[in-house]
């Protein structure tokens, strides 16, 4: 487990803190970087914005916030509760969330490009949905993506998910398993991986990686990460891990 167990973050630069290692590190030390999507690569929590279409944003967002803060420990159950409230949302309403509300976070494209230029592979692994994740993957030229697939019947969400080859819900345990699986397929060790996230369900994959990065994260995540980006964009990681 490579997450820090005590809050010993020290300021490396304004709005950027580290613990457990001496910076800067060479980017060439790493071969894979894994990103969460919602509130990490993108500016929104997609499920909250989908819920807004049916007037249930406040209810869904409260559950999302509690789950991301680690106050709800069963992510799968919290997701099922939220999904049930989305029944009847149309694909047209989903499209509007994507076109009108989803924004790529500052520095995301720059960080992805720098990692790939250094010969790394990039993974998006999300408790969110393929409707958004697959498009974000294409926009940022990300190599691999894994996320949850919403069940749609007659152009409307049923409130359920579609079973995929690896299972039906990409929770924290599945995020960790995906990172380790990808590392194994690449023939690299977990310590050659970087994991970036903001919520409690990112902690398992962050704990498996050689470098854990919290991006504008919940307190529980920020305190345990080896790098905490509290101000600025994702590309601030390049101040700590240099090409």
C-alpha atoms as a PDB file:
ATOM      1  CA  UNK A   1       0.000   0.000   0.000  1.00  0.00           C
ATOM      2  CA  UNK A   2       1.700   3.167  -1.198  1.00  0.00           C
ATOM      3  CA  UNK A   3      -0.758   5.724   0.147  1.00  0.00           C
ATOM      4  CA  UNK A   4       0.399   7.701   3.129  1.00  0.00           C
ATOM      5  CA  UNK A   5      -1.305   6.816   6.418  1.00  0.00           C
ATOM      6  CA  UNK A   6      -0.742  10.162   8.130  1.00  0.00           C
ATOM      7  CA  UNK A   7      -1.205  13.723   6.943  1.00  0.00           C
ATOM      8  CA  UNK A   8       2.414  14.797   6.432  1.00  0.00           C
ATOM      9  CA  UNK A   9       2.057  16.715   3.179  1.00  0.00           C
ATOM     10  CA  UNK A  10       4.580  19.497   2.766  1.00  0.00           C
ATOM     11  CA  UNK A  11       4.330  22.367   0.331  1.00  0.00           C
ATOM     12  CA  UNK A  12       6.462  21.813  -2.772  1.00  0.00           C
ATOM     13  CA  UNK A  13       5.148  24.935  -4.514  1.00  0.00           C
ATOM     14  CA  UNK A  14       2.109  27.159  -3.959  1.00  0.00           C
ATOM     15  CA  UNK A  15      -0.974  24.952  -4.203  1.00  0.00           C
ATOM     16  CA  UNK A  16       1.126  21.799  -4.692  1.00  0.00           C
ATOM     17  CA  UNK A  17       2.087  19.449  -1.859  1.00  0.00           C
ATOM     18  CA  UNK A  18       3.984  16.160  -1.628  1.00  0.00           C
ATOM     19  CA  UNK A  19       4.828  13.486   0.926  1.00  0.00           C
ATOM     20  CA  UNK A  20       6.799  10.256   1.044  1.00  0.00           C
ATOM     21  CA  UNK A  21       9.353  10.991  -1.670  1.00  0.00           C
ATOM     22  CA  UNK A  22      11.846  13.567  -2.870  1.00  0.00           C
ATOM     23  CA  UNK A  23      10.840  15.615  -5.903  1.00  0.00           C
ATOM     24  CA  UNK A  24      11.306  16.035  -8.751  1.00  0.00           C
ATOM     25  CA  UNK A  25      11.129  12.507 -10.156  1.00  0.00           C
ATOM     26  CA  UNK A  26      11.849  11.670 -13.810  1.00  0.00           C
ATOM     27  CA  UNK A  27       8.718  10.922 -15.823  1.00  0.00           C
ATOM     28  CA  UNK A  28      10.694   8.112 -17.477  1.00  0.00           C
ATOM     29  CA  UNK A  29      10.428   6.220 -14.173  1.00  0.00           C
ATOM     30  CA  UNK A  30       6.760   5.510 -15.006  1.00  0.00           C
ATOM     31  CA  UNK A  31       5.080   3.599 -17.844  1.00  0.00           C
ATOM     32  CA  UNK A  32       1.326   3.933 -17.136  1.00  0.00           C
ATOM     33  CA  UNK A  33      -0.871   6.737 -15.803  1.00  0.00           C
ATOM     34  CA  UNK A  34      -4.477   6.063 -14.766  1.00  0.00           C
ATOM     35  CA  UNK A  35      -7.061   8.823 -14.393  1.00  0.00           C
ATOM     36  CA  UNK A  36     -10.448   8.998 -12.769  1.00  0.00           C
ATOM     37  CA  UNK A  37     -12.872  10.943 -14.979  1.00  0.00           C
ATOM     38  CA  UNK A  38     -15.556  12.891 -13.079  1.00  0.00           C
ATOM     39  CA  UNK A  39     -14.102  15.925 -11.275  1.00  0.00           C
ATOM     40  CA  UNK A  40     -10.609  14.798 -12.347  1.00  0.00           C
ATOM     41  CA  UNK A  41     -10.309  14.783 -16.140  1.00  0.00           C
ATOM     42  CA  UNK A  42     -13.599  16.663 -16.467  1.00  0.00           C
ATOM     43  CA  UNK A  43     -15.178  19.464 -14.474  1.00  0.00           C
ATOM     44  CA  UNK A  44     -18.487  17.810 -13.543  1.00  0.00           C
ATOM     45  CA  UNK A  45     -19.967  14.762 -11.857  1.00  0.00           C
ATOM     46  CA  UNK A  46     -21.951  13.463 -14.830  1.00  0.00           C
ATOM     47  CA  UNK A  47     -24.490  11.558 -12.762  1.00  0.00           C
ATOM     48  CA  UNK A  48     -25.448  14.745 -10.884  1.00  0.00           C
ATOM     49  CA  UNK A  49     -25.958  16.652 -14.134  1.00  0.00           C
ATOM     50  CA  UNK A  50     -28.027  13.822 -15.640  1.00  0.00           C
ATOM     51  CA  UNK A  51     -30.217  13.896 -12.531  1.00  0.00           C
ATOM     52  CA  UNK A  52     -30.785  17.610 -13.068  1.00  0.00           C
ATOM     53  CA  UNK A  53     -32.717  16.693 -16.218  1.00  0.00           C
ATOM     54  CA  UNK A  54     -35.386  15.025 -14.079  1.00  0.00           C
ATOM     55  CA  UNK A  55     -35.299  17.506 -11.202  1.00  0.00           C
ATOM     56  CA  UNK A  56     -33.375  15.216  -8.861  1.00  0.00           C
ATOM     57  CA  UNK A  57     -29.935  16.809  -8.830  1.00  0.00           C
ATOM     58  CA  UNK A  58     -29.934  17.785  -5.158  1.00  0.00           C
ATOM     59  CA  UNK A  59     -30.883  14.277  -4.044  1.00  0.00           C
ATOM     60  CA  UNK A  60     -28.362  12.537  -6.299  1.00  0.00           C
ATOM     61  CA  UNK A  61     -25.578  15.051  -5.660  1.00  0.00           C
ATOM     62  CA  UNK A  62     -25.893  14.561  -1.898  1.00  0.00           C
ATOM     63  CA  UNK A  63     -25.292  10.822  -2.323  1.00  0.00           C
ATOM     64  CA  UNK A  64     -22.399  11.458  -4.727  1.00  0.00           C
ATOM     65  CA  UNK A  65     -20.735  13.866  -2.318  1.00  0.00           C
ATOM     66  CA  UNK A  66     -21.058  11.445   0.612  1.00  0.00           C
ATOM     67  CA  UNK A  67     -19.618   8.610  -1.489  1.00  0.00           C
ATOM     68  CA  UNK A  68     -16.682  10.694  -2.717  1.00  0.00           C
ATOM     69  CA  UNK A  69     -15.891  11.867   0.802  1.00  0.00           C
ATOM     70  CA  UNK A  70     -15.832   8.238   1.972  1.00  0.00           C
ATOM     71  CA  UNK A  71     -18.888   8.645   4.198  1.00  0.00           C
ATOM     72  CA  UNK A  72     -20.717   5.971   2.181  1.00  0.00           C
ATOM     73  CA  UNK A  73     -18.396   2.982   1.985  1.00  0.00           C
ATOM     74  CA  UNK A  74     -20.483   0.824  -0.377  1.00  0.00           C
ATOM     75  CA  UNK A  75     -19.977   2.578  -3.716  1.00  0.00           C
ATOM     76  CA  UNK A  76     -21.947  -0.045  -5.628  1.00  0.00           C
ATOM     77  CA  UNK A  77     -25.031   0.428  -3.478  1.00  0.00           C
ATOM     78  CA  UNK A  78     -24.737   4.223  -3.631  1.00  0.00           C
ATOM     79  CA  UNK A  79     -24.514   4.048  -7.423  1.00  0.00           C
ATOM     80  CA  UNK A  80     -27.547   1.775  -7.670  1.00  0.00           C
ATOM     81  CA  UNK A  81     -29.518   4.207  -5.495  1.00  0.00           C
ATOM     82  CA  UNK A  82     -28.580   7.098  -7.762  1.00  0.00           C
ATOM     83  CA  UNK A  83     -29.203   5.169 -10.973  1.00  0.00           C
ATOM     84  CA  UNK A  84     -32.736   4.310  -9.877  1.00  0.00           C
ATOM     85  CA  UNK A  85     -33.465   8.039  -9.720  1.00  0.00           C
ATOM     86  CA  UNK A  86     -32.379   8.471 -13.357  1.00  0.00           C
ATOM     87  CA  UNK A  87     -35.035   6.195 -14.826  1.00  0.00           C
ATOM     88  CA  UNK A  88     -36.707   7.910 -17.764  1.00  0.00           C
ATOM     89  CA  UNK A  89     -33.889  10.303 -18.655  1.00  0.00           C
ATOM     90  CA  UNK A  90     -33.653  10.436 -22.450  1.00  0.00           C
ATOM     91  CA  UNK A  91     -30.575  10.120 -24.626  1.00  0.00           C
ATOM     92  CA  UNK A  92     -31.309  13.633 -25.888  1.00  0.00           C
ATOM     93  CA  UNK A  93     -31.026  14.936 -22.325  1.00  0.00           C
ATOM     94  CA  UNK A  94     -27.775  13.001 -21.893  1.00  0.00           C
ATOM     95  CA  UNK A  95     -26.472  14.600 -25.082  1.00  0.00           C
ATOM     96  CA  UNK A  96     -27.222  18.048 -23.694  1.00  0.00           C
ATOM     97  CA  UNK A  97     -25.226  17.263 -20.549  1.00  0.00           C
ATOM     98  CA  UNK A  98     -22.283  16.362 -22.752  1.00  0.00           C
ATOM     99  CA  UNK A  99     -22.474  19.321 -25.119  1.00  0.00           C
ATOM    100  CA  UNK A 100     -23.523  22.038 -22.660  1.00  0.00           C
ATOM    101  CA  UNK A 101     -21.999  21.088 -19.288  1.00  0.00           C
ATOM    102  CA  UNK A 102     -19.026  18.755 -19.670  1.00  0.00           C
ATOM    103  CA  UNK A 103     -15.698  20.585 -19.809  1.00  0.00           C
ATOM    104  CA  UNK A 104     -12.210  19.081 -19.882  1.00  0.00           C
ATOM    105  CA  UNK A 105     -10.296  20.217 -16.804  1.00  0.00           C
ATOM    106  CA  UNK A 106      -7.344  22.604 -17.213  1.00  0.00           C
ATOM    107  CA  UNK A 107      -4.052  20.899 -17.954  1.00  0.00           C
ATOM    108  CA  UNK A 108      -5.598  17.509 -18.759  1.00  0.00           C
ATOM    109  CA  UNK A 109      -4.695  17.537 -22.446  1.00  0.00           C
ATOM    110  CA  UNK A 110      -1.209  18.842 -21.697  1.00  0.00           C
ATOM    111  CA  UNK A 111      -0.518  16.167 -19.074  1.00  0.00           C
ATOM    112  CA  UNK A 112      -1.822  13.331 -21.260  1.00  0.00           C
ATOM    113  CA  UNK A 113       0.283  14.532 -24.187  1.00  0.00           C
ATOM    114  CA  UNK A 114       3.427  14.857 -22.050  1.00  0.00           C
ATOM    115  CA  UNK A 115       2.984  11.333 -20.661  1.00  0.00           C
ATOM    116  CA  UNK A 116       2.496   9.854 -24.099  1.00  0.00           C
ATOM    117  CA  UNK A 117       5.490  11.754 -25.459  1.00  0.00           C
ATOM    118  CA  UNK A 118       7.513  10.118 -22.675  1.00  0.00           C
ATOM    119  CA  UNK A 119       6.352   6.697 -23.914  1.00  0.00           C
ATOM    120  CA  UNK A 120       3.664   6.097 -21.283  1.00  0.00           C
ATOM    121  CA  UNK A 121       0.239   4.572 -21.816  1.00  0.00           C
ATOM    122  CA  UNK A 122      -2.817   6.444 -20.516  1.00  0.00           C
ATOM    123  CA  UNK A 123      -5.845   4.796 -18.894  1.00  0.00           C
ATOM    124  CA  UNK A 124      -9.221   6.330 -18.037  1.00  0.00           C
ATOM    125  CA  UNK A 125     -10.945   4.231 -15.371  1.00  0.00           C
ATOM    126  CA  UNK A 126     -14.218   5.609 -14.074  1.00  0.00           C
ATOM    127  CA  UNK A 127     -17.232   4.884 -11.930  1.00  0.00           C
ATOM    128  CA  UNK A 128     -19.035   7.068 -14.467  1.00  0.00           C
ATOM    129  CA  UNK A 129     -20.517   6.093 -17.789  1.00  0.00           C
ATOM    130  CA  UNK A 130     -19.321   4.997 -21.225  1.00  0.00           C
ATOM    131  CA  UNK A 131     -21.630   7.593 -22.836  1.00  0.00           C
ATOM    132  CA  UNK A 132     -19.210  10.242 -21.581  1.00  0.00           C
ATOM    133  CA  UNK A 133     -16.005   8.274 -20.943  1.00  0.00           C
ATOM    134  CA  UNK A 134     -15.662   6.981 -24.491  1.00  0.00           C
ATOM    135  CA  UNK A 135     -15.982  10.522 -25.854  1.00  0.00           C
ATOM    136  CA  UNK A 136     -13.504  11.936 -23.346  1.00  0.00           C
ATOM    137  CA  UNK A 137     -11.128   9.119 -24.338  1.00  0.00           C
ATOM    138  CA  UNK A 138     -11.340  10.212 -27.971  1.00  0.00           C
ATOM    139  CA  UNK A 139     -11.036  13.929 -27.202  1.00  0.00           C
ATOM    140  CA  UNK A 140      -7.878  13.460 -25.150  1.00  0.00           C
ATOM    141  CA  UNK A 141      -6.414  10.653 -27.289  1.00  0.00           C
ATOM    142  CA  UNK A 142      -6.369   8.329 -24.269  1.00  0.00           C
ATOM    143  CA  UNK A 143      -5.215   4.775 -24.930  1.00  0.00           C
ATOM    144  CA  UNK A 144      -7.685   2.745 -22.846  1.00  0.00           C
ATOM    145  CA  UNK A 145     -10.951   3.355 -20.964  1.00  0.00           C
ATOM    146  CA  UNK A 146     -13.162   1.387 -18.588  1.00  0.00           C
ATOM    147  CA  UNK A 147     -16.453   2.654 -17.154  1.00  0.00           C
ATOM    148  CA  UNK A 148     -20.064   1.675 -16.519  1.00  0.00           C
ATOM    149  CA  UNK A 149     -22.550   1.162 -19.357  1.00  0.00           C
ATOM    150  CA  UNK A 150     -26.027   2.562 -18.779  1.00  0.00           C
ATOM    151  CA  UNK A 151     -28.953   0.414 -19.854  1.00  0.00           C
ATOM    152  CA  UNK A 152     -31.119   2.164 -22.445  1.00  0.00           C
ATOM    153  CA  UNK A 153     -34.494   0.994 -23.758  1.00  0.00           C
ATOM    154  CA  UNK A 154     -36.461   2.970 -26.349  1.00  0.00           C
ATOM    155  CA  UNK A 155     -34.122   5.935 -25.969  1.00  0.00           C
ATOM    156  CA  UNK A 156     -34.531   6.216 -22.201  1.00  0.00           C
ATOM    157  CA  UNK A 157     -32.469   5.136 -19.189  1.00  0.00           C
ATOM    158  CA  UNK A 158     -33.950   2.184 -17.302  1.00  0.00           C
ATOM    159  CA  UNK A 159     -32.128   3.010 -14.071  1.00  0.00           C
ATOM    160  CA  UNK A 160     -29.870  -0.019 -14.499  1.00  0.00           C
ATOM    161  CA  UNK A 161     -26.503  -0.975 -15.961  1.00  0.00           C
ATOM    162  CA  UNK A 162     -25.447  -3.413 -18.674  1.00  0.00           C
ATOM    163  CA  UNK A 163     -23.235  -6.327 -17.636  1.00  0.00           C
ATOM    164  CA  UNK A 164     -19.812  -6.179 -19.300  1.00  0.00           C
ATOM    165  CA  UNK A 165     -17.059  -8.794 -19.607  1.00  0.00           C
ATOM    166  CA  UNK A 166     -15.459  -7.668 -16.341  1.00  0.00           C
ATOM    167  CA  UNK A 167     -18.691  -7.072 -14.388  1.00  0.00           C
ATOM    168  CA  UNK A 168     -21.421  -4.466 -14.093  1.00  0.00           C
ATOM    169  CA  UNK A 169     -20.050  -1.752 -11.766  1.00  0.00           C
ATOM    170  CA  UNK A 170     -16.631  -0.137 -11.931  1.00  0.00           C
ATOM    171  CA  UNK A 171     -16.101   0.683  -8.254  1.00  0.00           C
ATOM    172  CA  UNK A 172     -12.916   1.293  -6.320  1.00  0.00           C
ATOM    173  CA  UNK A 173     -11.952  -2.380  -6.278  1.00  0.00           C
ATOM    174  CA  UNK A 174     -12.484  -2.661 -10.035  1.00  0.00           C
ATOM    175  CA  UNK A 175     -10.432   0.487 -10.631  1.00  0.00           C
ATOM    176  CA  UNK A 176      -7.552  -1.065  -8.701  1.00  0.00           C
ATOM    177  CA  UNK A 177      -7.923  -4.384 -10.511  1.00  0.00           C
ATOM    178  CA  UNK A 178      -7.957  -2.610 -13.885  1.00  0.00           C
ATOM    179  CA  UNK A 179      -4.741  -0.719 -13.155  1.00  0.00           C
ATOM    180  CA  UNK A 180      -2.992  -3.902 -12.020  1.00  0.00           C
ATOM    181  CA  UNK A 181      -4.367  -5.843 -14.997  1.00  0.00           C
ATOM    182  CA  UNK A 182      -3.109  -3.196 -17.408  1.00  0.00           C
ATOM    183  CA  UNK A 183       0.299  -3.170 -15.740  1.00  0.00           C
ATOM    184  CA  UNK A 184       0.501  -6.951 -16.046  1.00  0.00           C
ATOM    185  CA  UNK A 185      -0.464  -6.855 -19.724  1.00  0.00           C
ATOM    186  CA  UNK A 186       2.227  -4.227 -20.305  1.00  0.00           C
ATOM    187  CA  UNK A 187       4.816  -6.297 -18.449  1.00  0.00           C
ATOM    188  CA  UNK A 188       5.491  -3.566 -15.895  1.00  0.00           C
ATOM    189  CA  UNK A 189       5.385  -3.388 -12.100  1.00  0.00           C
ATOM    190  CA  UNK A 190       2.777  -1.447 -10.061  1.00  0.00           C
ATOM    191  CA  UNK A 191       5.485   0.960  -8.882  1.00  0.00           C
ATOM    192  CA  UNK A 192       5.794   2.105 -12.511  1.00  0.00           C
ATOM    193  CA  UNK A 193       2.185   3.356 -12.460  1.00  0.00           C
ATOM    194  CA  UNK A 194       0.708   6.733 -11.533  1.00  0.00           C
ATOM    195  CA  UNK A 195      -2.929   6.972 -10.367  1.00  0.00           C
ATOM    196  CA  UNK A 196      -4.822  10.281 -10.318  1.00  0.00           C
ATOM    197  CA  UNK A 197      -8.187  10.857  -8.654  1.00  0.00           C
ATOM    198  CA  UNK A 198     -10.295  13.002  -6.355  1.00  0.00           C
ATOM    199  CA  UNK A 199     -12.725  10.746  -4.478  1.00  0.00           C
ATOM    200  CA  UNK A 200     -12.686   7.908  -1.957  1.00  0.00           C
ATOM    201  CA  UNK A 201     -13.385   5.304  -4.640  1.00  0.00           C
ATOM    202  CA  UNK A 202     -10.033   6.252  -6.215  1.00  0.00           C
ATOM    203  CA  UNK A 203      -8.062   5.316  -3.104  1.00  0.00           C
ATOM    204  CA  UNK A 204      -7.731   1.586  -3.962  1.00  0.00           C
ATOM    205  CA  UNK A 205      -6.053   2.251  -7.323  1.00  0.00           C
ATOM    206  CA  UNK A 206      -4.015   5.085  -5.836  1.00  0.00           C
ATOM    207  CA  UNK A 207      -2.787   2.687  -3.165  1.00  0.00           C
ATOM    208  CA  UNK A 208      -1.689   0.159  -5.780  1.00  0.00           C
ATOM    209  CA  UNK A 209       0.324   2.669  -7.829  1.00  0.00           C
ATOM    210  CA  UNK A 210       3.880   3.852  -7.391  1.00  0.00           C
ATOM    211  CA  UNK A 211       2.714   7.472  -7.280  1.00  0.00           C
ATOM    212  CA  UNK A 212      -0.711   8.592  -6.045  1.00  0.00           C
ATOM    213  CA  UNK A 213      -2.008  12.016  -7.090  1.00  0.00           C
ATOM    214  CA  UNK A 214      -4.984  13.869  -5.599  1.00  0.00           C
ATOM    215  CA  UNK A 215      -6.471  16.522  -7.868  1.00  0.00           C
ATOM    216  CA  UNK A 216      -8.620  19.150  -6.102  1.00  0.00           C
ATOM    217  CA  UNK A 217      -9.627  16.192  -4.004  1.00  0.00           C
ATOM    218  CA  UNK A 218     -11.773  15.388  -0.992  1.00  0.00           C
ATOM    219  CA  UNK A 219      -9.885  15.768   2.323  1.00  0.00           C
ATOM    220  CA  UNK A 220      -9.562  12.014   2.913  1.00  0.00           C
ATOM    221  CA  UNK A 221      -7.961  11.553  -0.498  1.00  0.00           C
ATOM    222  CA  UNK A 222      -5.772  14.637  -0.354  1.00  0.00           C
ATOM    223  CA  UNK A 223      -4.330  13.640   3.026  1.00  0.00           C
ATOM    224  CA  UNK A 224      -3.347  10.151   1.850  1.00  0.00           C
ATOM    225  CA  UNK A 225      -1.973  10.994  -1.591  1.00  0.00           C
ATOM    226  CA  UNK A 226       1.733  11.365  -2.320  1.00  0.00           C
ATOM    227  CA  UNK A 227       1.013  14.434  -4.484  1.00  0.00           C
ATOM    228  CA  UNK A 228      -1.838  16.878  -3.864  1.00  0.00           C
ATOM    229  CA  UNK A 229      -2.663  19.397  -6.588  1.00  0.00           C
ATOM    230  CA  UNK A 230      -4.809  21.924  -4.745  1.00  0.00           C
ATOM    231  CA  UNK A 231      -4.496  24.855  -7.142  1.00  0.00           C
ATOM    232  CA  UNK A 232      -4.133  25.013 -10.903  1.00  0.00           C
ATOM    233  CA  UNK A 233      -4.484  22.360 -13.565  1.00  0.00           C
ATOM    234  CA  UNK A 234      -3.587  18.709 -13.907  1.00  0.00           C
ATOM    235  CA  UNK A 235      -0.388  19.604 -15.727  1.00  0.00           C
ATOM    236  CA  UNK A 236       1.027  20.849 -12.435  1.00  0.00           C
ATOM    237  CA  UNK A 237       2.020  17.219 -11.897  1.00  0.00           C
ATOM    238  CA  UNK A 238       4.804  17.948 -14.399  1.00  0.00           C
ATOM    239  CA  UNK A 239       6.409  20.185 -11.781  1.00  0.00           C
ATOM    240  CA  UNK A 240       6.845  17.120  -9.580  1.00  0.00           C
ATOM    241  CA  UNK A 241       7.407  14.426 -12.218  1.00  0.00           C
ATOM    242  CA  UNK A 242       9.477  16.028 -14.934  1.00  0.00           C
ATOM    243  CA  UNK A 243       9.734  14.909 -18.568  1.00  0.00           C
END
